[in-house]
Amino acid sequence: MDAILLRRSVRKFKDELIPYEDLLTLCRYAEAAPSARNQRSREYIIIENKELIKNIAKY
Protein backbone atom coordinates (compact mmCIF):
# COMPACT_ATOMS: atom_id res chain seq x y z
CA MET A 1 0.00 0.00 0.00
CA ASP A 2 2.92 2.35 0.69
CA ALA A 3 3.99 2.04 -2.95
CA ILE A 4 0.62 3.41 -4.06
CA LEU A 5 0.47 6.22 -1.53
CA LEU A 6 4.10 7.28 -2.05
CA ARG A 7 4.13 6.86 -5.85
CA ARG A 8 6.09 9.08 -8.18
CA SER A 9 6.50 9.43 -11.91
CA VAL A 10 9.16 7.12 -13.36
CA ARG A 11 10.55 7.53 -16.87
CA LYS A 12 12.95 4.58 -16.90
CA PHE A 13 11.88 1.04 -16.15
CA LYS A 14 13.94 -1.97 -15.15
CA ASP A 15 13.85 -4.93 -17.53
CA GLU A 16 12.67 -7.46 -14.97
CA LEU A 17 9.42 -9.26 -14.26
CA ILE A 18 7.28 -8.33 -11.30
CA PRO A 19 6.46 -11.40 -9.20
CA TYR A 20 3.01 -12.76 -10.04
CA GLU A 21 1.89 -12.57 -6.39
CA ASP A 22 2.71 -8.84 -6.36
CA LEU A 23 0.64 -8.32 -9.52
CA LEU A 24 -2.30 -10.09 -7.90
CA THR A 25 -1.95 -7.87 -4.84
CA LEU A 26 -2.01 -4.77 -7.05
CA CYS A 27 -5.14 -6.07 -8.79
CA ARG A 28 -6.82 -6.52 -5.39
CA TYR A 29 -5.94 -2.91 -4.48
CA ALA A 30 -7.27 -1.68 -7.81
CA GLU A 31 -10.49 -3.63 -7.28
CA ALA A 32 -10.99 -1.79 -3.97
CA ALA A 33 -10.82 1.60 -5.71
CA PRO A 34 -14.08 3.48 -6.31
CA SER A 35 -15.86 3.03 -9.62
CA ALA A 36 -18.59 4.96 -11.43
CA ARG A 37 -21.90 4.28 -9.70
CA ASN A 38 -20.12 1.55 -7.72
CA GLN A 39 -20.46 -0.89 -10.64
CA ARG A 40 -17.12 -2.59 -9.91
CA SER A 41 -17.16 -4.73 -13.04
CA ARG A 42 -13.49 -4.87 -14.04
CA GLU A 43 -11.16 -7.38 -15.58
CA TYR A 44 -7.39 -7.40 -15.36
CA ILE A 45 -5.16 -9.05 -17.93
CA ILE A 46 -1.54 -9.74 -16.98
CA ILE A 47 0.73 -10.03 -20.02
CA GLU A 48 4.32 -11.19 -19.56
CA ASN A 49 5.19 -11.82 -23.22
CA LYS A 50 7.43 -8.88 -24.19
CA GLU A 51 6.74 -9.16 -27.91
CA LEU A 52 3.00 -9.04 -27.32
CA ILE A 53 3.42 -5.99 -25.06
CA LYS A 54 5.45 -4.22 -27.77
CA ASN A 55 2.78 -4.99 -30.38
CA ILE A 56 0.00 -3.71 -28.14
CA ALA A 57 1.96 -0.52 -27.31
CA LYS A 58 2.04 0.40 -31.02
CA TYR A 59 -1.70 1.13 -30.93
PDB file of N, CA and C in Angstrom:
ATOM      1  N   MET A   1       0.816  -1.183   0.000  1.00  0.00           N
ATOM      2  CA  MET A   1       0.000   0.000   0.000  1.00  0.00           C
ATOM      3  C   MET A   1       0.867   1.256   0.000  1.00  0.00           C
ATOM      4  N   ASP A   2       2.022   1.191   0.666  1.00  0.00           N
ATOM      5  CA  ASP A   2       2.920   2.346   0.689  1.00  0.00           C
ATOM      6  C   ASP A   2       3.348   2.743  -0.719  1.00  0.00           C
ATOM      7  N   ALA A   3       3.557   1.754  -1.581  1.00  0.00           N
ATOM      8  CA  ALA A   3       3.986   2.043  -2.949  1.00  0.00           C
ATOM      9  C   ALA A   3       2.942   2.879  -3.686  1.00  0.00           C
ATOM     10  N   ILE A   4       1.688   2.641  -3.407  1.00  0.00           N
ATOM     11  CA  ILE A   4       0.618   3.410  -4.060  1.00  0.00           C
ATOM     12  C   ILE A   4       0.547   4.815  -3.483  1.00  0.00           C
ATOM     13  N   LEU A   5       0.599   4.918  -2.178  1.00  0.00           N
ATOM     14  CA  LEU A   5       0.470   6.220  -1.534  1.00  0.00           C
ATOM     15  C   LEU A   5       1.693   7.108  -1.733  1.00  0.00           C
ATOM     16  N   LEU A   6       2.862   6.518  -1.897  1.00  0.00           N
ATOM     17  CA  LEU A   6       4.100   7.281  -2.054  1.00  0.00           C
ATOM     18  C   LEU A   6       4.613   7.264  -3.491  1.00  0.00           C
ATOM     19  N   ARG A   7       3.727   7.025  -4.446  1.00  0.00           N
ATOM     20  CA  ARG A   7       4.131   6.862  -5.849  1.00  0.00           C
ATOM     21  C   ARG A   7       4.735   8.144  -6.420  1.00  0.00           C
ATOM     22  N   ARG A   8       5.498   7.963  -7.473  1.00  0.00           N
ATOM     23  CA  ARG A   8       6.088   9.084  -8.184  1.00  0.00           C
ATOM     24  C   ARG A   8       6.188   8.704  -9.651  1.00  0.00           C
ATOM     25  N   SER A   9       6.384   9.673 -10.488  1.00  0.00           N
ATOM     26  CA  SER A   9       6.495   9.427 -11.914  1.00  0.00           C
ATOM     27  C   SER A   9       7.870   8.849 -12.236  1.00  0.00           C
ATOM     28  N   VAL A  10       7.900   7.768 -12.996  1.00  0.00           N
ATOM     29  CA  VAL A  10       9.158   7.118 -13.361  1.00  0.00           C
ATOM     30  C   VAL A  10       9.250   7.073 -14.880  1.00  0.00           C
ATOM     31  N   ARG A  11      10.369   7.498 -15.407  1.00  0.00           N
ATOM     32  CA  ARG A  11      10.550   7.528 -16.867  1.00  0.00           C
ATOM     33  C   ARG A  11      11.377   6.351 -17.382  1.00  0.00           C
ATOM     34  N   LYS A  12      12.142   5.727 -16.510  1.00  0.00           N
ATOM     35  CA  LYS A  12      12.949   4.577 -16.896  1.00  0.00           C
ATOM     36  C   LYS A  12      12.477   3.367 -16.104  1.00  0.00           C
ATOM     37  N   PHE A  13      12.372   2.241 -16.797  1.00  0.00           N
ATOM     38  CA  PHE A  13      11.877   1.035 -16.154  1.00  0.00           C
ATOM     39  C   PHE A  13      12.944  -0.050 -16.209  1.00  0.00           C
ATOM     40  N   LYS A  14      13.012  -0.835 -15.170  1.00  0.00           N
ATOM     41  CA  LYS A  14      13.936  -1.967 -15.152  1.00  0.00           C
ATOM     42  C   LYS A  14      13.382  -3.070 -16.039  1.00  0.00           C
ATOM     43  N   ASP A  15      14.259  -3.834 -16.650  1.00  0.00           N
ATOM     44  CA  ASP A  15      13.850  -4.927 -17.528  1.00  0.00           C
ATOM     45  C   ASP A  15      13.780  -6.224 -16.714  1.00  0.00           C
ATOM     46  N   GLU A  16      12.836  -6.257 -15.782  1.00  0.00           N
ATOM     47  CA  GLU A  16      12.670  -7.458 -14.968  1.00  0.00           C
ATOM     48  C   GLU A  16      11.185  -7.682 -14.707  1.00  0.00           C
ATOM     49  N   LEU A  17      10.821  -8.924 -14.516  1.00  0.00           N
ATOM     50  CA  LEU A  17       9.424  -9.261 -14.265  1.00  0.00           C
ATOM     51  C   LEU A  17       9.048  -8.965 -12.819  1.00  0.00           C
ATOM     52  N   ILE A  18       7.825  -8.516 -12.641  1.00  0.00           N
ATOM     53  CA  ILE A  18       7.280  -8.330 -11.298  1.00  0.00           C
ATOM     54  C   ILE A  18       6.716  -9.678 -10.863  1.00  0.00           C
ATOM     55  N   PRO A  19       6.994 -10.106  -9.654  1.00  0.00           N
ATOM     56  CA  PRO A  19       6.462 -11.397  -9.200  1.00  0.00           C
ATOM     57  C   PRO A  19       4.940 -11.447  -9.335  1.00  0.00           C
ATOM     58  N   TYR A  20       4.437 -12.582  -9.777  1.00  0.00           N
ATOM     59  CA  TYR A  20       3.009 -12.759 -10.037  1.00  0.00           C
ATOM     60  C   TYR A  20       2.170 -12.437  -8.799  1.00  0.00           C
ATOM     61  N   GLU A  21       2.627 -12.832  -7.628  1.00  0.00           N
ATOM     62  CA  GLU A  21       1.891 -12.568  -6.393  1.00  0.00           C
ATOM     63  C   GLU A  21       1.744 -11.068  -6.159  1.00  0.00           C
ATOM     64  N   ASP A  22       2.779 -10.290  -6.502  1.00  0.00           N
ATOM     65  CA  ASP A  22       2.710  -8.835  -6.359  1.00  0.00           C
ATOM     66  C   ASP A  22       1.685  -8.242  -7.332  1.00  0.00           C
ATOM     67  N   LEU A  23       1.628  -8.787  -8.546  1.00  0.00           N
ATOM     68  CA  LEU A  23       0.640  -8.320  -9.517  1.00  0.00           C
ATOM     69  C   LEU A  23      -0.778  -8.604  -9.030  1.00  0.00           C
ATOM     70  N   LEU A  24      -0.985  -9.770  -8.441  1.00  0.00           N
ATOM     71  CA  LEU A  24      -2.304 -10.094  -7.903  1.00  0.00           C
ATOM     72  C   LEU A  24      -2.677  -9.152  -6.759  1.00  0.00           C
ATOM     73  N   THR A  25      -1.705  -8.812  -5.928  1.00  0.00           N
ATOM     74  CA  THR A  25      -1.948  -7.869  -4.841  1.00  0.00           C
ATOM     75  C   THR A  25      -2.359  -6.511  -5.392  1.00  0.00           C
ATOM     76  N   LEU A  26      -1.663  -6.048  -6.434  1.00  0.00           N
ATOM     77  CA  LEU A  26      -2.012  -4.771  -7.053  1.00  0.00           C
ATOM     78  C   LEU A  26      -3.414  -4.808  -7.649  1.00  0.00           C
ATOM     79  N   CYS A  27      -3.787  -5.930  -8.235  1.00  0.00           N
ATOM     80  CA  CYS A  27      -5.141  -6.075  -8.787  1.00  0.00           C
ATOM     81  C   CYS A  27      -6.181  -6.001  -7.673  1.00  0.00           C
ATOM     82  N   ARG A  28      -5.885  -6.594  -6.522  1.00  0.00           N
ATOM     83  CA  ARG A  28      -6.817  -6.521  -5.391  1.00  0.00           C
ATOM     84  C   ARG A  28      -6.977  -5.077  -4.913  1.00  0.00           C
ATOM     85  N   TYR A  29      -5.862  -4.324  -4.858  1.00  0.00           N
ATOM     86  CA  TYR A  29      -5.945  -2.913  -4.476  1.00  0.00           C
ATOM     87  C   TYR A  29      -6.762  -2.129  -5.504  1.00  0.00           C
ATOM     88  N   ALA A  30      -6.533  -2.392  -6.769  1.00  0.00           N
ATOM     89  CA  ALA A  30      -7.273  -1.683  -7.815  1.00  0.00           C
ATOM     90  C   ALA A  30      -8.765  -2.012  -7.731  1.00  0.00           C
ATOM     91  N   GLU A  31      -9.096  -3.229  -7.394  1.00  0.00           N
ATOM     92  CA  GLU A  31     -10.492  -3.632  -7.277  1.00  0.00           C
ATOM     93  C   GLU A  31     -11.179  -2.897  -6.126  1.00  0.00           C
ATOM     94  N   ALA A  32     -10.428  -2.498  -5.112  1.00  0.00           N
ATOM     95  CA  ALA A  32     -10.991  -1.793  -3.968  1.00  0.00           C
ATOM     96  C   ALA A  32     -11.209  -0.304  -4.256  1.00  0.00           C
ATOM     97  N   ALA A  33     -10.670   0.190  -5.358  1.00  0.00           N
ATOM     98  CA  ALA A  33     -10.815   1.604  -5.709  1.00  0.00           C
ATOM     99  C   ALA A  33     -12.257   1.895  -6.126  1.00  0.00           C
ATOM    100  N   PRO A  34     -12.708   3.122  -5.923  1.00  0.00           N
ATOM    101  CA  PRO A  34     -14.076   3.477  -6.315  1.00  0.00           C
ATOM    102  C   PRO A  34     -14.281   3.348  -7.819  1.00  0.00           C
ATOM    103  N   SER A  35     -15.511   3.093  -8.199  1.00  0.00           N
ATOM    104  CA  SER A  35     -15.864   3.027  -9.619  1.00  0.00           C
ATOM    105  C   SER A  35     -17.124   3.857  -9.852  1.00  0.00           C
ATOM    106  N   ALA A  36     -17.399   4.180 -11.098  1.00  0.00           N
ATOM    107  CA  ALA A  36     -18.592   4.962 -11.426  1.00  0.00           C
ATOM    108  C   ALA A  36     -19.841   4.212 -10.984  1.00  0.00           C
ATOM    109  N   ARG A  37     -20.657   4.865 -10.213  1.00  0.00           N
ATOM    110  CA  ARG A  37     -21.901   4.276  -9.698  1.00  0.00           C
ATOM    111  C   ARG A  37     -21.669   2.960  -8.971  1.00  0.00           C
ATOM    112  N   ASN A  38     -20.474   2.752  -8.481  1.00  0.00           N
ATOM    113  CA  ASN A  38     -20.124   1.547  -7.721  1.00  0.00           C
ATOM    114  C   ASN A  38     -20.403   0.259  -8.496  1.00  0.00           C
ATOM    115  N   GLN A  39     -20.181   0.283  -9.805  1.00  0.00           N
ATOM    116  CA  GLN A  39     -20.460  -0.889 -10.637  1.00  0.00           C
ATOM    117  C   GLN A  39     -19.437  -1.998 -10.437  1.00  0.00           C
ATOM    118  N   ARG A  40     -18.198  -1.646 -10.245  1.00  0.00           N
ATOM    119  CA  ARG A  40     -17.118  -2.585  -9.915  1.00  0.00           C
ATOM    120  C   ARG A  40     -16.939  -3.764 -10.876  1.00  0.00           C
ATOM    121  N   SER A  41     -17.384  -3.638 -12.091  1.00  0.00           N
ATOM    122  CA  SER A  41     -17.165  -4.729 -13.044  1.00  0.00           C
ATOM    123  C   SER A  41     -15.882  -4.434 -13.824  1.00  0.00           C
ATOM    124  N   ARG A  42     -14.802  -5.077 -13.425  1.00  0.00           N
ATOM    125  CA  ARG A  42     -13.486  -4.870 -14.042  1.00  0.00           C
ATOM    126  C   ARG A  42     -12.842  -6.210 -14.313  1.00  0.00           C
ATOM    127  N   GLU A  43     -11.978  -6.203 -15.293  1.00  0.00           N
ATOM    128  CA  GLU A  43     -11.162  -7.380 -15.576  1.00  0.00           C
ATOM    129  C   GLU A  43      -9.729  -6.914 -15.720  1.00  0.00           C
ATOM    130  N   TYR A  44      -8.811  -7.716 -15.255  1.00  0.00           N
ATOM    131  CA  TYR A  44      -7.386  -7.399 -15.360  1.00  0.00           C
ATOM    132  C   TYR A  44      -6.715  -8.508 -16.160  1.00  0.00           C
ATOM    133  N   ILE A  45      -5.900  -8.099 -17.101  1.00  0.00           N
ATOM    134  CA  ILE A  45      -5.157  -9.050 -17.927  1.00  0.00           C
ATOM    135  C   ILE A  45      -3.676  -8.803 -17.679  1.00  0.00           C
ATOM    136  N   ILE A  46      -2.977  -9.832 -17.251  1.00  0.00           N
ATOM    137  CA  ILE A  46      -1.545  -9.737 -16.983  1.00  0.00           C
ATOM    138  C   ILE A  46      -0.811 -10.367 -18.158  1.00  0.00           C
ATOM    139  N   ILE A  47      -0.007  -9.563 -18.843  1.00  0.00           N
ATOM    140  CA  ILE A  47       0.728 -10.033 -20.016  1.00  0.00           C
ATOM    141  C   ILE A  47       2.208  -9.986 -19.697  1.00  0.00           C
ATOM    142  N   GLU A  48       2.883 -11.125 -19.828  1.00  0.00           N
ATOM    143  CA  GLU A  48       4.320 -11.187 -19.562  1.00  0.00           C
ATOM    144  C   GLU A  48       5.148 -11.344 -20.837  1.00  0.00           C
ATOM    145  N   ASN A  49       4.502 -11.637 -21.949  1.00  0.00           N
ATOM    146  CA  ASN A  49       5.188 -11.817 -23.221  1.00  0.00           C
ATOM    147  C   ASN A  49       5.608 -10.447 -23.760  1.00  0.00           C
ATOM    148  N   LYS A  50       6.915 -10.193 -23.812  1.00  0.00           N
ATOM    149  CA  LYS A  50       7.427  -8.877 -24.187  1.00  0.00           C
ATOM    150  C   LYS A  50       7.092  -8.498 -25.630  1.00  0.00           C
ATOM    151  N   GLU A  51       7.087  -9.451 -26.513  1.00  0.00           N
ATOM    152  CA  GLU A  51       6.738  -9.157 -27.912  1.00  0.00           C
ATOM    153  C   GLU A  51       5.282  -8.725 -28.021  1.00  0.00           C
ATOM    154  N   LEU A  52       4.415  -9.400 -27.317  1.00  0.00           N
ATOM    155  CA  LEU A  52       3.005  -9.037 -27.320  1.00  0.00           C
ATOM    156  C   LEU A  52       2.808  -7.641 -26.742  1.00  0.00           C
ATOM    157  N   ILE A  53       3.508  -7.321 -25.677  1.00  0.00           N
ATOM    158  CA  ILE A  53       3.424  -5.994 -25.064  1.00  0.00           C
ATOM    159  C   ILE A  53       3.878  -4.932 -26.058  1.00  0.00           C
ATOM    160  N   LYS A  54       4.961  -5.180 -26.783  1.00  0.00           N
ATOM    161  CA  LYS A  54       5.450  -4.219 -27.773  1.00  0.00           C
ATOM    162  C   LYS A  54       4.425  -4.010 -28.889  1.00  0.00           C
ATOM    163  N   ASN A  55       3.794  -5.099 -29.322  1.00  0.00           N
ATOM    164  CA  ASN A  55       2.783  -4.995 -30.377  1.00  0.00           C
ATOM    165  C   ASN A  55       1.557  -4.215 -29.901  1.00  0.00           C
ATOM    166  N   ILE A  56       1.141  -4.436 -28.682  1.00  0.00           N
ATOM    167  CA  ILE A  56      -0.005  -3.712 -28.140  1.00  0.00           C
ATOM    168  C   ILE A  56       0.343  -2.231 -27.975  1.00  0.00           C
ATOM    169  N   ALA A  57       1.549  -1.917 -27.563  1.00  0.00           N
ATOM    170  CA  ALA A  57       1.964  -0.523 -27.315  1.00  0.00           C
ATOM    171  C   ALA A  57       1.964   0.305 -28.592  1.00  0.00           C
ATOM    172  N   LYS A  58       2.036  -0.331 -29.745  1.00  0.00           N
ATOM    173  CA  LYS A  58       2.038   0.402 -31.019  1.00  0.00           C
ATOM    174  C   LYS A  58       0.701   1.096 -31.264  1.00  0.00           C
ATOM    175  N   TYR A  59      -0.355   0.594 -30.664  1.00  0.00           N
ATOM    176  CA  TYR A  59      -1.705   1.134 -30.926  1.00  0.00           C
ATOM    177  C   TYR A  59      -2.061   2.090 -29.885  1.00  0.00           C
TER     178      TYR A  59
END
